[in-house]
Amino acid sequence: MGGKCPHRSVKKRRYSHKQYRRTKFLVNGDDVVYDELKKPEEQRKELPVDEDLPGMGQYYCIHCDRYFANVTVRDEHFKTKKHRKRVKIMMGPKPHTQLDADLAAGMGMPDNGPKLMSMS
């Protein structure tokens, strides 16, 4: 009749899961990456040397907002399906912003109509 509660092991499993570990790395949002891509090549800043990043921060994919250990790994990443999907998304229309979401939900700026002339 007894035995352990089956729900006790769920919490342990949640924290060791691959998807949980993947979310701990923060990436820029789509709107930030989109704005960075729209800048001309001359305005993009040179990548500084950073010892904390993989490959000293020199091998970077701007579409996916990821750093790589060396050139070959980055070039292999350029051939992946995830990268090609991301490029397609970034080359499309501008991503939605929080203002778009608020307006769609009816929480945007009120439209009270034209002002009436006061009779004083």
PDB file of N, CA and C in Angstrom:
ATOM      1  N   MET A   1       0.809  -1.198   0.000  1.00  0.00           N
ATOM      2  CA  MET A   1       0.000   0.000   0.000  1.00  0.00           C
ATOM      3  C   MET A   1       0.848   1.256   0.000  1.00  0.00           C
ATOM      4  N   GLY A   2       1.973   1.180   0.702  1.00  0.00           N
ATOM      5  CA  GLY A   2       2.765   2.387   0.925  1.00  0.00           C
ATOM      6  C   GLY A   2       3.674   2.698  -0.245  1.00  0.00           C
ATOM      7  N   GLY A   3       4.833   3.163   0.099  1.00  0.00           N
ATOM      8  CA  GLY A   3       5.811   3.535  -0.915  1.00  0.00           C
ATOM      9  C   GLY A   3       5.942   5.041  -0.989  1.00  0.00           C
ATOM     10  N   LYS A   4       6.891   5.474  -1.794  1.00  0.00           N
ATOM     11  CA  LYS A   4       7.128   6.911  -1.921  1.00  0.00           C
ATOM     12  C   LYS A   4       6.029   7.578  -2.739  1.00  0.00           C
ATOM     13  N   CYS A   5       5.864   8.823  -2.464  1.00  0.00           N
ATOM     14  CA  CYS A   5       4.933   9.629  -3.244  1.00  0.00           C
ATOM     15  C   CYS A   5       5.545   9.840  -4.633  1.00  0.00           C
ATOM     16  N   PRO A   6       4.813   9.599  -5.699  1.00  0.00           N
ATOM     17  CA  PRO A   6       5.414   9.712  -7.040  1.00  0.00           C
ATOM     18  C   PRO A   6       5.785  11.145  -7.413  1.00  0.00           C
ATOM     19  N   HIS A   7       5.245  12.115  -6.709  1.00  0.00           N
ATOM     20  CA  HIS A   7       5.498  13.515  -7.069  1.00  0.00           C
ATOM     21  C   HIS A   7       6.793  14.050  -6.476  1.00  0.00           C
ATOM     22  N   ARG A   8       7.419  13.310  -5.553  1.00  0.00           N
ATOM     23  CA  ARG A   8       8.639  13.800  -4.924  1.00  0.00           C
ATOM     24  C   ARG A   8       9.798  13.881  -5.916  1.00  0.00           C
ATOM     25  N   SER A   9       9.857  12.971  -6.831  1.00  0.00           N
ATOM     26  CA  SER A   9      10.999  12.942  -7.754  1.00  0.00           C
ATOM     27  C   SER A   9      10.830  13.926  -8.907  1.00  0.00           C
ATOM     28  N   VAL A  10       9.687  14.536  -9.055  1.00  0.00           N
ATOM     29  CA  VAL A  10       9.451  15.445 -10.179  1.00  0.00           C
ATOM     30  C   VAL A  10      10.330  16.676 -10.067  1.00  0.00           C
ATOM     31  N   LYS A  11      10.485  17.220  -8.863  1.00  0.00           N
ATOM     32  CA  LYS A  11      11.267  18.435  -8.695  1.00  0.00           C
ATOM     33  C   LYS A  11      12.729  18.193  -9.060  1.00  0.00           C
ATOM     34  N   LYS A  12      13.299  17.052  -8.649  1.00  0.00           N
ATOM     35  CA  LYS A  12      14.675  16.735  -9.000  1.00  0.00           C
ATOM     36  C   LYS A  12      14.833  16.626 -10.507  1.00  0.00           C
ATOM     37  N   ARG A  13      13.905  15.970 -11.146  1.00  0.00           N
ATOM     38  CA  ARG A  13      13.975  15.756 -12.580  1.00  0.00           C
ATOM     39  C   ARG A  13      13.887  17.093 -13.326  1.00  0.00           C
ATOM     40  N   ARG A  14      13.128  18.031 -12.805  1.00  0.00           N
ATOM     41  CA  ARG A  14      12.931  19.316 -13.464  1.00  0.00           C
ATOM     42  C   ARG A  14      14.245  20.088 -13.549  1.00  0.00           C
ATOM     43  N   TYR A  15      15.050  20.059 -12.483  1.00  0.00           N
ATOM     44  CA  TYR A  15      16.265  20.864 -12.462  1.00  0.00           C
ATOM     45  C   TYR A  15      17.426  20.224 -13.203  1.00  0.00           C
ATOM     46  N   SER A  16      17.371  18.946 -13.475  1.00  0.00           N
ATOM     47  CA  SER A  16      18.457  18.332 -14.219  1.00  0.00           C
ATOM     48  C   SER A  16      18.112  18.214 -15.701  1.00  0.00           C
ATOM     49  N   HIS A  17      16.957  18.673 -16.078  1.00  0.00           N
ATOM     50  CA  HIS A  17      16.509  18.525 -17.462  1.00  0.00           C
ATOM     51  C   HIS A  17      17.269  19.480 -18.377  1.00  0.00           C
ATOM     52  N   LYS A  18      17.494  19.053 -19.589  1.00  0.00           N
ATOM     53  CA  LYS A  18      18.275  19.816 -20.558  1.00  0.00           C
ATOM     54  C   LYS A  18      17.666  21.186 -20.841  1.00  0.00           C
ATOM     55  N   GLN A  19      16.351  21.242 -20.937  1.00  0.00           N
ATOM     56  CA  GLN A  19      15.687  22.505 -21.258  1.00  0.00           C
ATOM     57  C   GLN A  19      15.877  23.527 -20.142  1.00  0.00           C
ATOM     58  N   TYR A  20      15.896  23.082 -18.901  1.00  0.00           N
ATOM     59  CA  TYR A  20      16.125  24.004 -17.791  1.00  0.00           C
ATOM     60  C   TYR A  20      17.537  24.582 -17.876  1.00  0.00           C
ATOM     61  N   ARG A  21      18.520  23.744 -18.167  1.00  0.00           N
ATOM     62  CA  ARG A  21      19.899  24.224 -18.260  1.00  0.00           C
ATOM     63  C   ARG A  21      20.067  25.177 -19.422  1.00  0.00           C
ATOM     64  N   ARG A  22      19.319  24.966 -20.494  1.00  0.00           N
ATOM     65  CA  ARG A  22      19.434  25.811 -21.670  1.00  0.00           C
ATOM     66  C   ARG A  22      18.923  27.226 -21.394  1.00  0.00           C
ATOM     67  N   THR A  23      17.937  27.370 -20.516  1.00  0.00           N
ATOM     68  CA  THR A  23      17.350  28.678 -20.265  1.00  0.00           C
ATOM     69  C   THR A  23      18.198  29.547 -19.368  1.00  0.00           C
ATOM     70  N   LYS A  24      19.258  29.004 -18.760  1.00  0.00           N
ATOM     71  CA  LYS A  24      20.054  29.832 -17.882  1.00  0.00           C
ATOM     72  C   LYS A  24      20.950  30.794 -18.652  1.00  0.00           C
ATOM     73  N   PHE A  25      21.164  30.565 -19.937  1.00  0.00           N
ATOM     74  CA  PHE A  25      21.945  31.485 -20.749  1.00  0.00           C
ATOM     75  C   PHE A  25      21.008  32.524 -21.355  1.00  0.00           C
ATOM     76  N   LEU A  26      21.212  33.760 -21.003  1.00  0.00           N
ATOM     77  CA  LEU A  26      20.330  34.819 -21.483  1.00  0.00           C
ATOM     78  C   LEU A  26      20.758  35.253 -22.881  1.00  0.00           C
ATOM     79  N   VAL A  27      19.797  35.444 -23.750  1.00  0.00           N
ATOM     80  CA  VAL A  27      20.063  35.938 -25.089  1.00  0.00           C
ATOM     81  C   VAL A  27      19.248  37.210 -25.301  1.00  0.00           C
ATOM     82  N   ASN A  28      19.705  38.016 -26.229  1.00  0.00           N
ATOM     83  CA  ASN A  28      18.965  39.231 -26.551  1.00  0.00           C
ATOM     84  C   ASN A  28      17.643  38.874 -27.197  1.00  0.00           C
ATOM     85  N   GLY A  29      16.649  39.725 -27.013  1.00  0.00           N
ATOM     86  CA  GLY A  29      15.355  39.508 -27.631  1.00  0.00           C
ATOM     87  C   GLY A  29      15.405  39.732 -29.129  1.00  0.00           C
ATOM     88  N   ASP A  30      14.359  39.310 -29.807  1.00  0.00           N
ATOM     89  CA  ASP A  30      14.309  39.441 -31.260  1.00  0.00           C
ATOM     90  C   ASP A  30      14.388  40.893 -31.701  1.00  0.00           C
ATOM     91  N   ASP A  31      13.750  41.805 -30.947  1.00  0.00           N
ATOM     92  CA  ASP A  31      13.752  43.201 -31.358  1.00  0.00           C
ATOM     93  C   ASP A  31      15.148  43.818 -31.259  1.00  0.00           C
ATOM     94  N   VAL A  32      15.945  43.435 -30.266  1.00  0.00           N
ATOM     95  CA  VAL A  32      17.297  43.963 -30.122  1.00  0.00           C
ATOM     96  C   VAL A  32      18.186  43.449 -31.250  1.00  0.00           C
ATOM     97  N   VAL A  33      18.079  42.161 -31.564  1.00  0.00           N
ATOM     98  CA  VAL A  33      18.869  41.582 -32.649  1.00  0.00           C
ATOM     99  C   VAL A  33      18.450  42.195 -33.984  1.00  0.00           C
ATOM    100  N   TYR A  34      17.159  42.410 -34.175  1.00  0.00           N
ATOM    101  CA  TYR A  34      16.652  43.000 -35.419  1.00  0.00           C
ATOM    102  C   TYR A  34      17.226  44.408 -35.609  1.00  0.00           C
ATOM    103  N   ASP A  35      17.235  45.219 -34.535  1.00  0.00           N
ATOM    104  CA  ASP A  35      17.786  46.572 -34.622  1.00  0.00           C
ATOM    105  C   ASP A  35      19.285  46.550 -34.909  1.00  0.00           C
ATOM    106  N   GLU A  36      19.996  45.601 -34.318  1.00  0.00           N
ATOM    107  CA  GLU A  36      21.435  45.480 -34.554  1.00  0.00           C
ATOM    108  C   GLU A  36      21.724  45.096 -36.007  1.00  0.00           C
ATOM    109  N   LEU A  37      20.886  44.247 -36.585  1.00  0.00           N
ATOM    110  CA  LEU A  37      21.084  43.832 -37.977  1.00  0.00           C
ATOM    111  C   LEU A  37      20.790  44.961 -38.959  1.00  0.00           C
ATOM    112  N   LYS A  38      19.912  45.873 -38.589  1.00  0.00           N
ATOM    113  CA  LYS A  38      19.553  46.964 -39.495  1.00  0.00           C
ATOM    114  C   LYS A  38      20.615  48.061 -39.547  1.00  0.00           C
ATOM    115  N   LYS A  39      21.570  48.031 -38.598  1.00  0.00           N
ATOM    116  CA  LYS A  39      22.658  49.007 -38.626  1.00  0.00           C
ATOM    117  C   LYS A  39      23.581  48.686 -39.807  1.00  0.00           C
ATOM    118  N   PRO A  40      24.178  49.703 -40.410  1.00  0.00           N
ATOM    119  CA  PRO A  40      25.166  49.420 -41.471  1.00  0.00           C
ATOM    120  C   PRO A  40      26.407  48.738 -40.882  1.00  0.00           C
ATOM    121  N   GLU A  41      27.160  48.065 -41.726  1.00  0.00           N
ATOM    122  CA  GLU A  41      28.351  47.333 -41.280  1.00  0.00           C
ATOM    123  C   GLU A  41      29.354  48.254 -40.584  1.00  0.00           C
ATOM    124  N   GLU A  42      29.474  49.501 -41.036  1.00  0.00           N
ATOM    125  CA  GLU A  42      30.465  50.412 -40.479  1.00  0.00           C
ATOM    126  C   GLU A  42      30.142  50.792 -39.033  1.00  0.00           C
ATOM    127  N   GLN A  43      28.846  50.810 -38.678  1.00  0.00           N
ATOM    128  CA  GLN A  43      28.454  51.235 -37.335  1.00  0.00           C
ATOM    129  C   GLN A  43      28.542  50.115 -36.307  1.00  0.00           C
ATOM    130  N   ARG A  44      28.629  48.866 -36.750  1.00  0.00           N
ATOM    131  CA  ARG A  44      28.740  47.760 -35.792  1.00  0.00           C
ATOM    132  C   ARG A  44      30.114  47.813 -35.154  1.00  0.00           C
ATOM    133  N   LYS A  45      30.131  47.675 -33.863  1.00  0.00           N
ATOM    134  CA  LYS A  45      31.403  47.788 -33.168  1.00  0.00           C
ATOM    135  C   LYS A  45      32.228  46.509 -33.296  1.00  0.00           C
ATOM    136  N   GLU A  46      33.542  46.685 -33.201  1.00  0.00           N
ATOM    137  CA  GLU A  46      34.467  45.562 -33.241  1.00  0.00           C
ATOM    138  C   GLU A  46      34.317  44.750 -31.964  1.00  0.00           C
ATOM    139  N   LEU A  47      34.434  43.428 -32.063  1.00  0.00           N
ATOM    140  CA  LEU A  47      34.256  42.575 -30.890  1.00  0.00           C
ATOM    141  C   LEU A  47      35.459  42.705 -29.959  1.00  0.00           C
ATOM    142  N   PRO A  48      35.225  43.111 -28.704  1.00  0.00           N
ATOM    143  CA  PRO A  48      36.348  43.211 -27.760  1.00  0.00           C
ATOM    144  C   PRO A  48      36.760  41.828 -27.271  1.00  0.00           C
ATOM    145  N   VAL A  49      38.000  41.703 -26.843  1.00  0.00           N
ATOM    146  CA  VAL A  49      38.504  40.442 -26.299  1.00  0.00           C
ATOM    147  C   VAL A  49      37.978  40.300 -24.876  1.00  0.00           C
ATOM    148  N   ASP A  50      37.277  39.197 -24.610  1.00  0.00           N
ATOM    149  CA  ASP A  50      36.702  38.937 -23.290  1.00  0.00           C
ATOM    150  C   ASP A  50      37.047  37.506 -22.895  1.00  0.00           C
ATOM    151  N   GLU A  51      37.795  37.350 -21.819  1.00  0.00           N
ATOM    152  CA  GLU A  51      38.251  36.023 -21.410  1.00  0.00           C
ATOM    153  C   GLU A  51      37.124  35.143 -20.887  1.00  0.00           C
ATOM    154  N   ASP A  52      36.015  35.727 -20.472  1.00  0.00           N
ATOM    155  CA  ASP A  52      34.915  34.946 -19.918  1.00  0.00           C
ATOM    156  C   ASP A  52      34.058  34.277 -20.991  1.00  0.00           C
ATOM    157  N   LEU A  53      34.121  34.769 -22.213  1.00  0.00           N
ATOM    158  CA  LEU A  53      33.297  34.226 -23.295  1.00  0.00           C
ATOM    159  C   LEU A  53      34.054  33.137 -24.046  1.00  0.00           C
ATOM    160  N   PRO A  54      33.332  32.212 -24.672  1.00  0.00           N
ATOM    161  CA  PRO A  54      34.003  31.191 -25.480  1.00  0.00           C
ATOM    162  C   PRO A  54      34.763  31.824 -26.640  1.00  0.00           C
ATOM    163  N   GLY A  55      35.958  31.325 -26.894  1.00  0.00           N
ATOM    164  CA  GLY A  55      36.764  31.845 -28.000  1.00  0.00           C
ATOM    165  C   GLY A  55      37.179  33.279 -27.790  1.00  0.00           C
ATOM    166  N   MET A  56      37.304  33.697 -26.538  1.00  0.00           N
ATOM    167  CA  MET A  56      37.680  35.073 -26.172  1.00  0.00           C
ATOM    168  C   MET A  56      36.708  36.106 -26.754  1.00  0.00           C
ATOM    169  N   GLY A  57      35.493  35.690 -27.094  1.00  0.00           N
ATOM    170  CA  GLY A  57      34.475  36.611 -27.592  1.00  0.00           C
ATOM    171  C   GLY A  57      34.670  37.046 -29.025  1.00  0.00           C
ATOM    172  N   GLN A  58      35.500  36.339 -29.797  1.00  0.00           N
ATOM    173  CA  GLN A  58      35.812  36.769 -31.165  1.00  0.00           C
ATOM    174  C   GLN A  58      34.947  36.095 -32.221  1.00  0.00           C
ATOM    175  N   TYR A  59      34.321  34.973 -31.909  1.00  0.00           N
ATOM    176  CA  TYR A  59      33.533  34.232 -32.897  1.00  0.00           C
ATOM    177  C   TYR A  59      32.074  34.310 -32.482  1.00  0.00           C
ATOM    178  N   TYR A  60      31.316  35.157 -33.170  1.00  0.00           N
ATOM    179  CA  TYR A  60      29.961  35.527 -32.736  1.00  0.00           C
ATOM    180  C   TYR A  60      28.989  35.409 -33.898  1.00  0.00           C
ATOM    181  N   CYS A  61      27.811  34.873 -33.624  1.00  0.00           N
ATOM    182  CA  CYS A  61      26.728  34.836 -34.609  1.00  0.00           C
ATOM    183  C   CYS A  61      25.722  35.900 -34.193  1.00  0.00           C
ATOM    184  N   ILE A  62      25.591  36.934 -34.988  1.00  0.00           N
ATOM    185  CA  ILE A  62      24.735  38.063 -34.615  1.00  0.00           C
ATOM    186  C   ILE A  62      23.259  37.683 -34.679  1.00  0.00           C
ATOM    187  N   HIS A  63      22.876  36.788 -35.586  1.00  0.00           N
ATOM    188  CA  HIS A  63      21.472  36.404 -35.716  1.00  0.00           C
ATOM    189  C   HIS A  63      20.992  35.636 -34.494  1.00  0.00           C
ATOM    190  N   CYS A  64      21.826  34.715 -34.007  1.00  0.00           N
ATOM    191  CA  CYS A  64      21.436  33.844 -32.893  1.00  0.00           C
ATOM    192  C   CYS A  64      21.912  34.378 -31.548  1.00  0.00           C
ATOM    193  N   ASP A  65      22.743  35.413 -31.549  1.00  0.00           N
ATOM    194  CA  ASP A  65      23.302  36.008 -30.339  1.00  0.00           C
ATOM    195  C   ASP A  65      24.064  34.954 -29.543  1.00  0.00           C
ATOM    196  N   ARG A  66      25.017  34.275 -30.215  1.00  0.00           N
ATOM    197  CA  ARG A  66      25.801  33.216 -29.580  1.00  0.00           C
ATOM    198  C   ARG A  66      27.281  33.404 -29.890  1.00  0.00           C
ATOM    199  N   TYR A  67      28.109  33.019 -28.923  1.00  0.00           N
ATOM    200  CA  TYR A  67      29.556  33.017 -29.099  1.00  0.00           C
ATOM    201  C   TYR A  67      30.028  31.583 -29.275  1.00  0.00           C
ATOM    202  N   PHE A  68      31.114  31.412 -30.041  1.00  0.00           N
ATOM    203  CA  PHE A  68      31.631  30.084 -30.325  1.00  0.00           C
ATOM    204  C   PHE A  68      33.106  30.008 -29.988  1.00  0.00           C
ATOM    205  N   ALA A  69      33.593  28.783 -29.774  1.00  0.00           N
ATOM    206  CA  ALA A  69      34.972  28.564 -29.336  1.00  0.00           C
ATOM    207  C   ALA A  69      35.986  28.836 -30.448  1.00  0.00           C
ATOM    208  N   ASN A  70      35.639  28.523 -31.690  1.00  0.00           N
ATOM    209  CA  ASN A  70      36.581  28.762 -32.788  1.00  0.00           C
ATOM    210  C   ASN A  70      35.816  28.927 -34.101  1.00  0.00           C
ATOM    211  N   VAL A  71      36.549  29.181 -35.156  1.00  0.00           N
ATOM    212  CA  VAL A  71      35.943  29.472 -36.457  1.00  0.00           C
ATOM    213  C   VAL A  71      35.193  28.260 -37.009  1.00  0.00           C
ATOM    214  N   THR A  72      35.754  27.072 -36.859  1.00  0.00           N
ATOM    215  CA  THR A  72      35.126  25.893 -37.449  1.00  0.00           C
ATOM    216  C   THR A  72      33.781  25.588 -36.795  1.00  0.00           C
ATOM    217  N   VAL A  73      33.694  25.771 -35.485  1.00  0.00           N
ATOM    218  CA  VAL A  73      32.420  25.532 -34.801  1.00  0.00           C
ATOM    219  C   VAL A  73      31.388  26.557 -35.248  1.00  0.00           C
ATOM    220  N   ARG A  74      31.827  27.821 -35.405  1.00  0.00           N
ATOM    221  CA  ARG A  74      30.902  28.852 -35.866  1.00  0.00           C
ATOM    222  C   ARG A  74      30.428  28.572 -37.291  1.00  0.00           C
ATOM    223  N   ASP A  75      31.351  28.140 -38.152  1.00  0.00           N
ATOM    224  CA  ASP A  75      30.971  27.845 -39.535  1.00  0.00           C
ATOM    225  C   ASP A  75      30.032  26.647 -39.614  1.00  0.00           C
ATOM    226  N   GLU A  76      30.215  25.657 -38.746  1.00  0.00           N
ATOM    227  CA  GLU A  76      29.277  24.541 -38.681  1.00  0.00           C
ATOM    228  C   GLU A  76      27.908  25.004 -38.214  1.00  0.00           C
ATOM    229  N   HIS A  77      27.889  25.966 -37.305  1.00  0.00           N
ATOM    230  CA  HIS A  77      26.617  26.516 -36.814  1.00  0.00           C
ATOM    231  C   HIS A  77      25.862  27.210 -37.944  1.00  0.00           C
ATOM    232  N   PHE A  78      26.587  27.885 -38.833  1.00  0.00           N
ATOM    233  CA  PHE A  78      25.942  28.583 -39.947  1.00  0.00           C
ATOM    234  C   PHE A  78      25.191  27.621 -40.862  1.00  0.00           C
ATOM    235  N   LYS A  79      25.544  26.350 -40.858  1.00  0.00           N
ATOM    236  CA  LYS A  79      24.897  25.362 -41.715  1.00  0.00           C
ATOM    237  C   LYS A  79      23.688  24.694 -41.064  1.00  0.00           C
ATOM    238  N   THR A  80      23.445  24.956 -39.785  1.00  0.00           N
ATOM    239  CA  THR A  80      22.371  24.259 -39.077  1.00  0.00           C
ATOM    240  C   THR A  80      21.004  24.824 -39.422  1.00  0.00           C
ATOM    241  N   LYS A  81      20.011  24.017 -39.166  1.00  0.00           N
ATOM    242  CA  LYS A  81      18.627  24.402 -39.436  1.00  0.00           C
ATOM    243  C   LYS A  81      18.173  25.542 -38.513  1.00  0.00           C
ATOM    244  N   LYS A  82      18.591  25.492 -37.243  1.00  0.00           N
ATOM    245  CA  LYS A  82      18.208  26.545 -36.300  1.00  0.00           C
ATOM    246  C   LYS A  82      18.701  27.906 -36.767  1.00  0.00           C
ATOM    247  N   HIS A  83      19.945  27.965 -37.232  1.00  0.00           N
ATOM    248  CA  HIS A  83      20.501  29.238 -37.690  1.00  0.00           C
ATOM    249  C   HIS A  83      19.761  29.742 -38.920  1.00  0.00           C
ATOM    250  N   ARG A  84      19.490  28.844 -39.859  1.00  0.00           N
ATOM    251  CA  ARG A  84      18.799  29.274 -41.077  1.00  0.00           C
ATOM    252  C   ARG A  84      17.390  29.769 -40.775  1.00  0.00           C
ATOM    253  N   LYS A  85      16.711  29.127 -39.810  1.00  0.00           N
ATOM    254  CA  LYS A  85      15.377  29.592 -39.411  1.00  0.00           C
ATOM    255  C   LYS A  85      15.451  30.972 -38.782  1.00  0.00           C
ATOM    256  N   ARG A  86      16.478  31.165 -37.955  1.00  0.00           N
ATOM    257  CA  ARG A  86      16.650  32.443 -37.264  1.00  0.00           C
ATOM    258  C   ARG A  86      16.932  33.563 -38.268  1.00  0.00           C
ATOM    259  N   VAL A  87      17.753  33.289 -39.266  1.00  0.00           N
ATOM    260  CA  VAL A  87      18.043  34.286 -40.301  1.00  0.00           C
ATOM    261  C   VAL A  87      16.771  34.648 -41.044  1.00  0.00           C
ATOM    262  N   LYS A  88      15.954  33.653 -41.345  1.00  0.00           N
ATOM    263  CA  LYS A  88      14.705  33.896 -42.061  1.00  0.00           C
ATOM    264  C   LYS A  88      13.763  34.767 -41.244  1.00  0.00           C
ATOM    265  N   ILE A  89      13.705  34.516 -39.933  1.00  0.00           N
ATOM    266  CA  ILE A  89      12.854  35.323 -39.056  1.00  0.00           C
ATOM    267  C   ILE A  89      13.347  36.763 -39.002  1.00  0.00           C
ATOM    268  N   MET A  90      14.664  36.930 -38.886  1.00  0.00           N
ATOM    269  CA  MET A  90      15.239  38.269 -38.750  1.00  0.00           C
ATOM    270  C   MET A  90      15.173  39.074 -40.046  1.00  0.00           C
ATOM    271  N   MET A  91      15.092  38.426 -41.180  1.00  0.00           N
ATOM    272  CA  MET A  91      15.000  39.140 -42.455  1.00  0.00           C
ATOM    273  C   MET A  91      13.561  39.482 -42.815  1.00  0.00           C
ATOM    274  N   GLY A  92      12.620  38.998 -42.039  1.00  0.00           N
ATOM    275  CA  GLY A  92      11.209  39.254 -42.308  1.00  0.00           C
ATOM    276  C   GLY A  92      10.765  40.602 -41.754  1.00  0.00           C
ATOM    277  N   PRO A  93       9.477  40.736 -41.465  1.00  0.00           N
ATOM    278  CA  PRO A  93       8.977  41.999 -40.927  1.00  0.00           C
ATOM    279  C   PRO A  93       9.488  42.245 -39.505  1.00  0.00           C
ATOM    280  N   LYS A  94       9.361  43.477 -39.063  1.00  0.00           N
ATOM    281  CA  LYS A  94       9.858  43.859 -37.743  1.00  0.00           C
ATOM    282  C   LYS A  94       9.123  43.083 -36.654  1.00  0.00           C
ATOM    283  N   PRO A  95       9.859  42.571 -35.646  1.00  0.00           N
ATOM    284  CA  PRO A  95       9.213  41.822 -34.560  1.00  0.00           C
ATOM    285  C   PRO A  95       8.278  42.722 -33.744  1.00  0.00           C
ATOM    286  N   HIS A  96       7.323  42.104 -33.096  1.00  0.00           N
ATOM    287  CA  HIS A  96       6.369  42.854 -32.285  1.00  0.00           C
ATOM    288  C   HIS A  96       7.047  43.412 -31.043  1.00  0.00           C
ATOM    289  N   THR A  97       6.555  44.546 -30.568  1.00  0.00           N
ATOM    290  CA  THR A  97       7.078  45.161 -29.359  1.00  0.00           C
ATOM    291  C   THR A  97       6.012  45.111 -28.277  1.00  0.00           C
ATOM    292  N   GLN A  98       6.371  45.567 -27.080  1.00  0.00           N
ATOM    293  CA  GLN A  98       5.417  45.590 -25.979  1.00  0.00           C
ATOM    294  C   GLN A  98       4.279  46.562 -26.276  1.00  0.00           C
ATOM    295  N   LEU A  99       4.559  47.657 -26.966  1.00  0.00           N
ATOM    296  CA  LEU A  99       3.507  48.613 -27.318  1.00  0.00           C
ATOM    297  C   LEU A  99       2.479  47.955 -28.240  1.00  0.00           C
ATOM    298  N   ASP A 100       2.931  47.152 -29.199  1.00  0.00           N
ATOM    299  CA  ASP A 100       2.005  46.428 -30.076  1.00  0.00           C
ATOM    300  C   ASP A 100       1.098  45.507 -29.272  1.00  0.00           C
ATOM    301  N   ALA A 101       1.688  44.811 -28.302  1.00  0.00           N
ATOM    302  CA  ALA A 101       0.907  43.891 -27.475  1.00  0.00           C
ATOM    303  C   ALA A 101      -0.119  44.639 -26.639  1.00  0.00           C
ATOM    304  N   ASP A 102       0.272  45.781 -26.079  1.00  0.00           N
ATOM    305  CA  ASP A 102      -0.656  46.569 -25.264  1.00  0.00           C
ATOM    306  C   ASP A 102      -1.808  47.107 -26.106  1.00  0.00           C
ATOM    307  N   LEU A 103      -1.498  47.575 -27.307  1.00  0.00           N
ATOM    308  CA  LEU A 103      -2.550  48.097 -28.180  1.00  0.00           C
ATOM    309  C   LEU A 103      -3.513  46.990 -28.596  1.00  0.00           C
ATOM    310  N   ALA A 104      -2.990  45.808 -28.857  1.00  0.00           N
ATOM    311  CA  ALA A 104      -3.850  44.695 -29.252  1.00  0.00           C
ATOM    312  C   ALA A 104      -4.751  44.249 -28.109  1.00  0.00           C
ATOM    313  N   ALA A 105      -4.278  44.410 -26.886  1.00  0.00           N
ATOM    314  CA  ALA A 105      -5.064  44.012 -25.717  1.00  0.00           C
ATOM    315  C   ALA A 105      -6.035  45.104 -25.279  1.00  0.00           C
ATOM    316  N   GLY A 106      -5.988  46.240 -25.943  1.00  0.00           N
ATOM    317  CA  GLY A 106      -6.883  47.330 -25.582  1.00  0.00           C
ATOM    318  C   GLY A 106      -6.369  48.169 -24.424  1.00  0.00           C
ATOM    319  N   MET A 107      -5.079  48.063 -24.137  1.00  0.00           N
ATOM    320  CA  MET A 107      -4.511  48.808 -23.018  1.00  0.00           C
ATOM    321  C   MET A 107      -3.669  49.982 -23.501  1.00  0.00           C
ATOM    322  N   GLY A 108      -3.817  50.366 -24.728  1.00  0.00           N
ATOM    323  CA  GLY A 108      -2.994  51.429 -25.293  1.00  0.00           C
ATOM    324  C   GLY A 108      -3.537  52.800 -24.941  1.00  0.00           C
ATOM    325  N   MET A 109      -3.117  53.751 -25.719  1.00  0.00           N
ATOM    326  CA  MET A 109      -3.530  55.133 -25.493  1.00  0.00           C
ATOM    327  C   MET A 109      -5.023  55.270 -25.781  1.00  0.00           C
ATOM    328  N   PRO A 110      -5.764  55.956 -24.923  1.00  0.00           N
ATOM    329  CA  PRO A 110      -7.209  56.072 -25.136  1.00  0.00           C
ATOM    330  C   PRO A 110      -7.519  57.000 -26.302  1.00  0.00           C
ATOM    331  N   ASP A 111      -8.548  56.649 -27.035  1.00  0.00           N
ATOM    332  CA  ASP A 111      -9.010  57.489 -28.133  1.00  0.00           C
ATOM    333  C   ASP A 111     -10.345  58.077 -27.707  1.00  0.00           C
ATOM    334  N   ASN A 112     -10.316  59.306 -27.223  1.00  0.00           N
ATOM    335  CA  ASN A 112     -11.523  59.950 -26.716  1.00  0.00           C
ATOM    336  C   ASN A 112     -12.254  60.753 -27.782  1.00  0.00           C
ATOM    337  N   GLY A 113     -11.786  60.725 -28.983  1.00  0.00           N
ATOM    338  CA  GLY A 113     -12.438  61.458 -30.050  1.00  0.00           C
ATOM    339  C   GLY A 113     -11.978  62.902 -30.074  1.00  0.00           C
ATOM    340  N   PRO A 114     -12.528  63.689 -31.001  1.00  0.00           N
ATOM    341  CA  PRO A 114     -12.111  65.088 -31.084  1.00  0.00           C
ATOM    342  C   PRO A 114     -12.629  65.883 -29.889  1.00  0.00           C
ATOM    343  N   LYS A 115     -11.882  66.917 -29.536  1.00  0.00           N
ATOM    344  CA  LYS A 115     -12.291  67.765 -28.422  1.00  0.00           C
ATOM    345  C   LYS A 115     -13.496  68.604 -28.849  1.00  0.00           C
ATOM    346  N   LEU A 116     -14.426  68.757 -27.934  1.00  0.00           N
ATOM    347  CA  LEU A 116     -15.600  69.582 -28.204  1.00  0.00           C
ATOM    348  C   LEU A 116     -15.325  71.009 -27.792  1.00  0.00           C
ATOM    349  N   MET A 117     -15.927  71.927 -28.526  1.00  0.00           N
ATOM    350  CA  MET A 117     -15.769  73.351 -28.183  1.00  0.00           C
ATOM    351  C   MET A 117     -16.611  73.640 -26.977  1.00  0.00           C
ATOM    352  N   SER A 118     -16.031  74.276 -25.985  1.00  0.00           N
ATOM    353  CA  SER A 118     -16.811  74.594 -24.794  1.00  0.00           C
ATOM    354  C   SER A 118     -17.582  75.901 -25.014  1.00  0.00           C
ATOM    355  N   MET A 119     -18.765  75.972 -24.508  1.00  0.00           N
ATOM    356  CA  MET A 119     -19.622  77.159 -24.659  1.00  0.00           C
ATOM    357  C   MET A 119     -19.500  77.983 -23.383  1.00  0.00           C
ATOM    358  N   SER A 120     -18.554  78.893 -23.310  1.00  0.00           N
ATOM    359  CA  SER A 120     -18.458  79.714 -22.123  1.00  0.00           C
ATOM    360  C   SER A 120     -18.683  81.170 -22.419  1.00  0.00           C
TER     361      SER A 120
END
